[in-house]
C-alpha atoms as a PDB file:
ATOM      1  CA  UNK A   1       0.000   0.000   0.000  1.00  0.00           C
ATOM      2  CA  UNK A   2       1.399   3.342  -1.015  1.00  0.00           C
ATOM      3  CA  UNK A   3       0.609   5.969   1.614  1.00  0.00           C
ATOM      4  CA  UNK A   4       1.234   9.623   0.861  1.00  0.00           C
ATOM      5  CA  UNK A   5       3.448  11.480   3.304  1.00  0.00           C
ATOM      6  CA  UNK A   6       3.786  15.236   3.609  1.00  0.00           C
ATOM      7  CA  UNK A   7       6.643  17.263   5.030  1.00  0.00           C
ATOM      8  CA  UNK A   8       5.632  19.105   8.178  1.00  0.00           C
ATOM      9  CA  UNK A   9       7.945  22.001   7.322  1.00  0.00           C
ATOM     10  CA  UNK A  10       7.256  22.578   3.635  1.00  0.00           C
ATOM     11  CA  UNK A  11       3.933  20.787   3.139  1.00  0.00           C
ATOM     12  CA  UNK A  12       5.370  19.008   0.088  1.00  0.00           C
ATOM     13  CA  UNK A  13       4.656  15.372  -0.642  1.00  0.00           C
ATOM     14  CA  UNK A  14       7.572  13.044   0.130  1.00  0.00           C
ATOM     15  CA  UNK A  15       8.107   9.504  -1.108  1.00  0.00           C
ATOM     16  CA  UNK A  16       7.871   6.410   1.086  1.00  0.00           C
ATOM     17  CA  UNK A  17      11.630   5.986   0.740  1.00  0.00           C
ATOM     18  CA  UNK A  18      12.317   9.543   1.914  1.00  0.00           C
ATOM     19  CA  UNK A  19       9.984   9.164   4.872  1.00  0.00           C
ATOM     20  CA  UNK A  20      11.443   5.785   5.899  1.00  0.00           C
ATOM     21  CA  UNK A  21      14.982   7.113   5.540  1.00  0.00           C
ATOM     22  CA  UNK A  22      14.247  10.150   7.709  1.00  0.00           C
ATOM     23  CA  UNK A  23      12.530   8.130  10.422  1.00  0.00           C
ATOM     24  CA  UNK A  24      15.276   5.477  10.453  1.00  0.00           C
ATOM     25  CA  UNK A  25      17.838   8.029  11.698  1.00  0.00           C
ATOM     26  CA  UNK A  26      18.258   8.288  15.425  1.00  0.00           C
ATOM     27  CA  UNK A  27      18.422  11.641  17.204  1.00  0.00           C
ATOM     28  CA  UNK A  28      22.092  10.966  17.951  1.00  0.00           C
ATOM     29  CA  UNK A  29      22.867  10.526  14.238  1.00  0.00           C
ATOM     30  CA  UNK A  30      21.005  13.699  13.348  1.00  0.00           C
ATOM     31  CA  UNK A  31      22.956  15.654  15.933  1.00  0.00           C
ATOM     32  CA  UNK A  32      26.250  14.136  14.768  1.00  0.00           C
ATOM     33  CA  UNK A  33      25.751  15.073  11.120  1.00  0.00           C
ATOM     34  CA  UNK A  34      24.582  18.560  12.081  1.00  0.00           C
ATOM     35  CA  UNK A  35      27.762  18.937  14.133  1.00  0.00           C
ATOM     36  CA  UNK A  36      29.833  17.804  11.131  1.00  0.00           C
ATOM     37  CA  UNK A  37      28.267  20.617   9.097  1.00  0.00           C
ATOM     38  CA  UNK A  38      28.817  23.164  11.881  1.00  0.00           C
ATOM     39  CA  UNK A  39      32.480  22.107  12.204  1.00  0.00           C
ATOM     40  CA  UNK A  40      33.113  23.452   8.675  1.00  0.00           C
ATOM     41  CA  UNK A  41      32.615  26.995   9.972  1.00  0.00           C
ATOM     42  CA  UNK A  42      35.599  28.085  12.094  1.00  0.00           C
ATOM     43  CA  UNK A  43      34.612  31.758  12.118  1.00  0.00           C
ATOM     44  CA  UNK A  44      31.775  34.038  11.075  1.00  0.00           C
ATOM     45  CA  UNK A  45      33.744  35.125   7.984  1.00  0.00           C
ATOM     46  CA  UNK A  46      33.656  31.658   6.387  1.00  0.00           C
ATOM     47  CA  UNK A  47      30.980  31.270   3.705  1.00  0.00           C
ATOM     48  CA  UNK A  48      30.435  27.914   2.001  1.00  0.00           C
ATOM     49  CA  UNK A  49      28.033  26.401  -0.508  1.00  0.00           C
ATOM     50  CA  UNK A  50      26.316  23.125   0.289  1.00  0.00           C
ATOM     51  CA  UNK A  51      28.563  21.409  -2.295  1.00  0.00           C
ATOM     52  CA  UNK A  52      31.678  22.711  -0.533  1.00  0.00           C
ATOM     53  CA  UNK A  53      30.327  21.442   2.798  1.00  0.00           C
ATOM     54  CA  UNK A  54      29.630  18.064   1.179  1.00  0.00           C
ATOM     55  CA  UNK A  55      33.222  17.866  -0.082  1.00  0.00           C
ATOM     56  CA  UNK A  56      34.682  18.838   3.312  1.00  0.00           C
ATOM     57  CA  UNK A  57      32.530  16.462   5.366  1.00  0.00           C
ATOM     58  CA  UNK A  58      32.391  13.586   2.878  1.00  0.00           C
ATOM     59  CA  UNK A  59      28.601  13.508   3.345  1.00  0.00           C
ATOM     60  CA  UNK A  60      26.196  13.117   0.439  1.00  0.00           C
ATOM     61  CA  UNK A  61      24.896  16.412  -0.909  1.00  0.00           C
ATOM     62  CA  UNK A  62      21.315  15.423  -0.053  1.00  0.00           C
ATOM     63  CA  UNK A  63      22.329  14.823   3.560  1.00  0.00           C
ATOM     64  CA  UNK A  64      24.120  18.175   3.728  1.00  0.00           C
ATOM     65  CA  UNK A  65      21.065  19.939   2.279  1.00  0.00           C
ATOM     66  CA  UNK A  66      18.805  18.433   4.935  1.00  0.00           C
ATOM     67  CA  UNK A  67      21.144  19.230   7.805  1.00  0.00           C
ATOM     68  CA  UNK A  68      21.770  22.752   6.493  1.00  0.00           C
ATOM     69  CA  UNK A  69      18.022  23.406   6.257  1.00  0.00           C
ATOM     70  CA  UNK A  70      17.547  22.221   9.847  1.00  0.00           C
ATOM     71  CA  UNK A  71      20.418  24.428  11.044  1.00  0.00           C
ATOM     72  CA  UNK A  72      19.019  27.437   9.161  1.00  0.00           C
ATOM     73  CA  UNK A  73      15.583  26.832  10.687  1.00  0.00           C
ATOM     74  CA  UNK A  74      17.217  26.587  14.134  1.00  0.00           C
ATOM     75  CA  UNK A  75      19.014  29.916  13.585  1.00  0.00           C
ATOM     76  CA  UNK A  76      22.542  28.494  13.760  1.00  0.00           C
ATOM     77  CA  UNK A  77      23.323  29.093  10.067  1.00  0.00           C
ATOM     78  CA  UNK A  78      21.999  31.683   7.669  1.00  0.00           C
ATOM     79  CA  UNK A  79      22.109  32.348   3.944  1.00  0.00           C
ATOM     80  CA  UNK A  80      24.595  35.171   3.490  1.00  0.00           C
ATOM     81  CA  UNK A  81      24.879  35.518  -0.259  1.00  0.00           C
ATOM     82  CA  UNK A  82      25.162  33.482  -3.428  1.00  0.00           C
ATOM     83  CA  UNK A  83      27.640  32.562  -6.143  1.00  0.00           C
ATOM     84  CA  UNK A  84      27.173  31.336  -9.689  1.00  0.00           C
ATOM     85  CA  UNK A  85      28.316  27.769 -10.318  1.00  0.00           C
ATOM     86  CA  UNK A  86      30.734  27.771 -13.265  1.00  0.00           C
ATOM     87  CA  UNK A  87      29.613  24.346 -14.508  1.00  0.00           C
ATOM     88  CA  UNK A  88      25.837  24.726 -14.301  1.00  0.00           C
ATOM     89  CA  UNK A  89      25.500  28.503 -14.447  1.00  0.00           C
ATOM     90  CA  UNK A  90      22.993  28.360 -11.585  1.00  0.00           C
ATOM     91  CA  UNK A  91      23.167  30.300  -8.359  1.00  0.00           C
ATOM     92  CA  UNK A  92      24.201  28.535  -5.155  1.00  0.00           C
ATOM     93  CA  UNK A  93      23.521  29.929  -1.712  1.00  0.00           C
ATOM     94  CA  UNK A  94      26.448  30.795   0.521  1.00  0.00           C
ATOM     95  CA  UNK A  95      25.915  29.689   4.104  1.00  0.00           C
ATOM     96  CA  UNK A  96      27.613  31.137   7.152  1.00  0.00           C
ATOM     97  CA  UNK A  97      27.263  31.269  10.901  1.00  0.00           C
ATOM     98  CA  UNK A  98      24.389  33.416  12.098  1.00  0.00           C
ATOM     99  CA  UNK A  99      25.435  36.925  13.058  1.00  0.00           C
ATOM    100  CA  UNK A 100      23.246  37.111  16.148  1.00  0.00           C
END
């Protein structure tokens, strides 16, 4: 049976696989991967794209995107600009520590 799942944050429909994957992670694992992302930022001057964070942490880009979104929502990181990717020509957000 294929049950539809919706994201509580965005309201978008998510697949069974995405929902199962999210719920299979323990709180400890979520905290650990969030800490790996936070460890990339030594000072408030450092700005990184999600792809750069993925390369530094050796985490999949999709995992970095999820952790970055959670950290932005929690106010620990913020979008502080953007750069154009030379290969795709698309804009990528630059993330940095919140200046609170």
